Amino acid sequence: MSPNLQKVLTELAKYEHPLFDLSAREKGEAVEVIIESRSKDLGLHTYYYEMHPRDLEHAQFPWTFQRQLFDCMHDYLMEMFTRTPQER
């Protein structure tokens, strides 16, 4: 396991959510964060985003990690809509 993956997994261990399972895996030099619905029977897609080495080495990593995680969780929630007024 790379130090970058360990860093992300350590940070993810600080979070627990009733709707999502959070995990990560190596993807080249980057780390891919995985957000999955706990309700597997809904047939929802899995959300993935990459954290690049420059992000992982940032002095404010815990803060930037949280901001990015929350932004991606928001995006994932919005993608779960099955219908919106903007659809035709």
N, C-alpha and C. Protein backbone atom coordinates (compact mmCIF):
# COMPACT_ATOMS: atom_id res chain seq x y z
N MET A 1 0.85 -1.17 0.00
CA MET A 1 0.00 0.00 0.00
C MET A 1 0.90 1.24 0.00
N SER A 2 0.59 2.17 -0.88
CA SER A 2 1.39 3.38 -0.98
C SER A 2 1.10 4.32 0.20
N PRO A 3 2.06 5.18 0.52
CA PRO A 3 1.82 6.17 1.58
C PRO A 3 0.63 7.09 1.26
N ASN A 4 0.43 7.41 -0.03
CA ASN A 4 -0.70 8.27 -0.40
C ASN A 4 -2.03 7.57 -0.15
N LEU A 5 -2.13 6.30 -0.50
CA LEU A 5 -3.36 5.57 -0.24
C LEU A 5 -3.60 5.47 1.27
N GLN A 6 -2.54 5.19 2.01
CA GLN A 6 -2.69 5.10 3.47
C GLN A 6 -3.17 6.43 4.05
N LYS A 7 -2.65 7.53 3.52
CA LYS A 7 -3.05 8.85 3.99
C LYS A 7 -4.54 9.09 3.77
N VAL A 8 -5.04 8.72 2.59
CA VAL A 8 -6.46 8.91 2.27
C VAL A 8 -7.31 7.97 3.12
N LEU A 9 -6.91 6.72 3.26
CA LEU A 9 -7.68 5.77 4.08
C LEU A 9 -7.74 6.22 5.54
N THR A 10 -6.66 6.77 6.04
CA THR A 10 -6.64 7.28 7.41
C THR A 10 -7.62 8.43 7.55
N GLU A 11 -7.66 9.30 6.56
CA GLU A 11 -8.59 10.43 6.60
C GLU A 11 -10.03 9.94 6.46
N LEU A 12 -10.27 8.99 5.56
CA LEU A 12 -11.62 8.45 5.37
C LEU A 12 -12.16 7.78 6.64
N ALA A 13 -11.27 7.21 7.43
CA ALA A 13 -11.69 6.53 8.65
C ALA A 13 -12.33 7.50 9.65
N LYS A 14 -12.14 8.78 9.45
CA LYS A 14 -12.73 9.80 10.33
C LYS A 14 -14.19 10.09 9.98
N TYR A 15 -14.66 9.54 8.87
CA TYR A 15 -15.99 9.84 8.37
C TYR A 15 -16.88 8.60 8.38
N GLU A 16 -18.14 8.81 8.72
CA GLU A 16 -19.14 7.75 8.61
C GLU A 16 -20.44 8.41 8.18
N HIS A 17 -21.12 7.81 7.24
CA HIS A 17 -22.35 8.38 6.69
C HIS A 17 -23.41 7.29 6.60
N PRO A 18 -24.66 7.59 6.96
CA PRO A 18 -25.69 6.55 6.92
C PRO A 18 -26.12 6.13 5.51
N LEU A 19 -25.82 6.96 4.51
CA LEU A 19 -26.25 6.66 3.15
C LEU A 19 -25.14 6.13 2.25
N PHE A 20 -23.89 6.41 2.61
CA PHE A 20 -22.77 6.09 1.73
C PHE A 20 -21.69 5.27 2.41
N ASP A 21 -21.06 4.40 1.63
CA ASP A 21 -19.83 3.73 2.01
C ASP A 21 -18.70 4.45 1.30
N LEU A 22 -17.65 4.74 2.03
CA LEU A 22 -16.50 5.46 1.49
C LEU A 22 -15.28 4.56 1.50
N SER A 23 -14.54 4.55 0.40
CA SER A 23 -13.32 3.75 0.33
C SER A 23 -12.38 4.43 -0.66
N ALA A 24 -11.21 3.82 -0.86
CA ALA A 24 -10.23 4.38 -1.80
C ALA A 24 -9.34 3.26 -2.31
N ARG A 25 -8.71 3.53 -3.46
CA ARG A 25 -7.76 2.57 -4.04
C ARG A 25 -6.73 3.36 -4.84
N GLU A 26 -5.62 2.71 -5.08
CA GLU A 26 -4.56 3.34 -5.87
C GLU A 26 -4.97 3.36 -7.34
N LYS A 27 -4.59 4.43 -8.00
CA LYS A 27 -4.80 4.56 -9.45
C LYS A 27 -3.58 5.28 -10.01
N GLY A 28 -2.58 4.50 -10.36
CA GLY A 28 -1.30 5.08 -10.77
C GLY A 28 -0.68 5.79 -9.58
N GLU A 29 -0.26 7.02 -9.78
CA GLU A 29 0.29 7.82 -8.69
C GLU A 29 -0.81 8.50 -7.88
N ALA A 30 -2.01 8.51 -8.41
CA ALA A 30 -3.14 9.14 -7.74
C ALA A 30 -3.83 8.14 -6.82
N VAL A 31 -4.79 8.65 -6.07
CA VAL A 31 -5.65 7.80 -5.24
C VAL A 31 -7.08 8.09 -5.68
N GLU A 32 -7.83 7.04 -5.93
CA GLU A 32 -9.21 7.17 -6.35
C GLU A 32 -10.11 6.96 -5.14
N VAL A 33 -10.91 7.96 -4.82
CA VAL A 33 -11.86 7.88 -3.73
C VAL A 33 -13.17 7.35 -4.30
N ILE A 34 -13.80 6.44 -3.56
CA ILE A 34 -15.00 5.76 -4.04
C ILE A 34 -16.14 6.04 -3.07
N ILE A 35 -17.25 6.53 -3.62
CA ILE A 35 -18.46 6.78 -2.84
C ILE A 35 -19.55 5.88 -3.41
N GLU A 36 -20.07 4.99 -2.56
CA GLU A 36 -21.11 4.05 -3.00
C GLU A 36 -22.33 4.18 -2.10
N SER A 37 -23.48 4.01 -2.70
CA SER A 37 -24.71 3.99 -1.93
C SER A 37 -24.74 2.72 -1.08
N ARG A 38 -25.18 2.84 0.16
CA ARG A 38 -25.35 1.65 1.01
C ARG A 38 -26.56 0.84 0.57
N SER A 39 -27.49 1.48 -0.13
CA SER A 39 -28.70 0.81 -0.61
C SER A 39 -28.42 0.21 -1.99
N LYS A 40 -27.86 -0.96 -2.01
CA LYS A 40 -27.47 -1.60 -3.26
C LYS A 40 -28.67 -1.92 -4.15
N ASP A 41 -29.83 -2.10 -3.56
CA ASP A 41 -31.02 -2.46 -4.33
C ASP A 41 -31.60 -1.31 -5.15
N LEU A 42 -31.08 -0.09 -4.98
CA LEU A 42 -31.56 1.05 -5.75
C LEU A 42 -30.95 1.13 -7.15
N GLY A 43 -29.89 0.37 -7.37
CA GLY A 43 -29.24 0.36 -8.68
C GLY A 43 -28.50 1.64 -9.03
N LEU A 44 -28.03 2.35 -8.02
CA LEU A 44 -27.32 3.60 -8.25
C LEU A 44 -25.88 3.34 -8.67
N HIS A 45 -25.36 4.23 -9.48
CA HIS A 45 -23.97 4.10 -9.90
C HIS A 45 -23.04 4.43 -8.73
N THR A 46 -21.80 4.06 -8.88
CA THR A 46 -20.76 4.38 -7.90
C THR A 46 -20.06 5.64 -8.37
N TYR A 47 -19.74 6.51 -7.43
CA TYR A 47 -19.09 7.79 -7.74
C TYR A 47 -17.60 7.66 -7.43
N TYR A 48 -16.77 8.05 -8.38
CA TYR A 48 -15.32 7.99 -8.24
C TYR A 48 -14.72 9.38 -8.48
N TYR A 49 -13.70 9.71 -7.71
CA TYR A 49 -12.91 10.90 -8.03
C TYR A 49 -11.47 10.67 -7.63
N GLU A 50 -10.57 11.32 -8.36
CA GLU A 50 -9.13 11.13 -8.15
C GLU A 50 -8.54 12.26 -7.33
N MET A 51 -7.63 11.88 -6.47
CA MET A 51 -6.82 12.85 -5.74
C MET A 51 -5.39 12.68 -6.25
N HIS A 52 -4.85 13.75 -6.77
CA HIS A 52 -3.52 13.72 -7.36
C HIS A 52 -2.44 13.96 -6.30
N PRO A 53 -1.22 13.52 -6.56
CA PRO A 53 -0.15 13.69 -5.58
C PRO A 53 0.00 15.11 -5.05
N ARG A 54 -0.18 16.11 -5.91
CA ARG A 54 -0.05 17.51 -5.44
C ARG A 54 -1.10 17.83 -4.39
N ASP A 55 -2.31 17.24 -4.53
CA ASP A 55 -3.37 17.46 -3.54
C ASP A 55 -3.05 16.73 -2.24
N LEU A 56 -2.50 15.55 -2.36
CA LEU A 56 -2.19 14.73 -1.19
C LEU A 56 -1.02 15.30 -0.39
N GLU A 57 -0.15 16.05 -1.05
CA GLU A 57 1.01 16.62 -0.39
C GLU A 57 0.76 18.03 0.14
N HIS A 58 -0.41 18.57 -0.12
CA HIS A 58 -0.74 19.93 0.29
C HIS A 58 -0.69 20.05 1.81
N ALA A 59 -0.18 21.17 2.30
CA ALA A 59 -0.03 21.38 3.75
C ALA A 59 -1.38 21.34 4.48
N GLN A 60 -2.44 21.70 3.79
CA GLN A 60 -3.78 21.71 4.39
C GLN A 60 -4.60 20.49 3.95
N PHE A 61 -3.93 19.36 3.73
CA PHE A 61 -4.60 18.17 3.19
C PHE A 61 -5.91 17.81 3.90
N PRO A 62 -5.97 17.72 5.23
CA PRO A 62 -7.25 17.33 5.85
C PRO A 62 -8.40 18.26 5.48
N TRP A 63 -8.13 19.54 5.43
CA TRP A 63 -9.17 20.51 5.09
C TRP A 63 -9.56 20.40 3.61
N THR A 64 -8.58 20.34 2.73
CA THR A 64 -8.90 20.25 1.30
C THR A 64 -9.55 18.91 0.98
N PHE A 65 -9.15 17.86 1.69
CA PHE A 65 -9.79 16.56 1.50
C PHE A 65 -11.27 16.63 1.87
N GLN A 66 -11.57 17.22 3.03
CA GLN A 66 -12.96 17.33 3.45
C GLN A 66 -13.78 18.14 2.46
N ARG A 67 -13.24 19.26 2.02
CA ARG A 67 -13.96 20.10 1.07
C ARG A 67 -14.26 19.33 -0.22
N GLN A 68 -13.27 18.61 -0.73
CA GLN A 68 -13.47 17.87 -1.97
C GLN A 68 -14.45 16.71 -1.75
N LEU A 69 -14.33 16.01 -0.64
CA LEU A 69 -15.25 14.91 -0.34
C LEU A 69 -16.69 15.43 -0.27
N PHE A 70 -16.90 16.52 0.45
CA PHE A 70 -18.25 17.06 0.59
C PHE A 70 -18.78 17.55 -0.75
N ASP A 71 -17.94 18.18 -1.56
CA ASP A 71 -18.36 18.63 -2.90
C ASP A 71 -18.78 17.44 -3.75
N CYS A 72 -18.01 16.36 -3.71
CA CYS A 72 -18.32 15.18 -4.51
C CYS A 72 -19.57 14.47 -4.00
N MET A 73 -19.74 14.43 -2.67
CA MET A 73 -20.96 13.82 -2.13
C MET A 73 -22.19 14.62 -2.55
N HIS A 74 -22.07 15.93 -2.58
CA HIS A 74 -23.16 16.78 -3.06
C HIS A 74 -23.46 16.47 -4.53
N ASP A 75 -22.42 16.42 -5.34
CA ASP A 75 -22.61 16.11 -6.77
C ASP A 75 -23.28 14.75 -6.94
N TYR A 76 -22.85 13.77 -6.16
CA TYR A 76 -23.43 12.43 -6.25
C TYR A 76 -24.91 12.46 -5.88
N LEU A 77 -25.26 13.18 -4.83
CA LEU A 77 -26.67 13.31 -4.46
C LEU A 77 -27.49 13.92 -5.58
N MET A 78 -26.94 14.94 -6.23
CA MET A 78 -27.67 15.59 -7.32
C MET A 78 -27.83 14.65 -8.51
N GLU A 79 -26.83 13.80 -8.74
CA GLU A 79 -26.92 12.85 -9.85
C GLU A 79 -27.97 11.77 -9.59
N MET A 80 -28.42 11.62 -8.36
CA MET A 80 -29.40 10.59 -8.02
C MET A 80 -30.82 10.97 -8.42
N PHE A 81 -31.06 12.23 -8.77
CA PHE A 81 -32.40 12.60 -9.18
C PHE A 81 -32.82 11.72 -10.37
N THR A 82 -34.02 11.23 -10.32
CA THR A 82 -34.55 10.45 -11.43
C THR A 82 -35.33 11.33 -12.41
N ARG A 83 -35.68 12.54 -11.94
CA ARG A 83 -36.37 13.49 -12.80
C ARG A 83 -36.19 14.88 -12.22
N THR A 84 -36.01 15.87 -13.09
CA THR A 84 -35.93 17.26 -12.67
C THR A 84 -36.72 18.11 -13.66
N PRO A 85 -37.07 19.34 -13.29
CA PRO A 85 -37.81 20.22 -14.22
C PRO A 85 -37.02 20.53 -15.49
N GLN A 86 -35.69 20.41 -15.44
CA GLN A 86 -34.87 20.73 -16.60
C GLN A 86 -34.89 19.63 -17.66
N GLU A 87 -35.36 18.45 -17.31
CA GLU A 87 -35.44 17.37 -18.30
C GLU A 87 -36.59 17.60 -19.24
N ARG A 88 -36.43 17.18 -20.46
CA ARG A 88 -37.52 17.33 -21.45
C ARG A 88 -37.99 15.98 -21.88
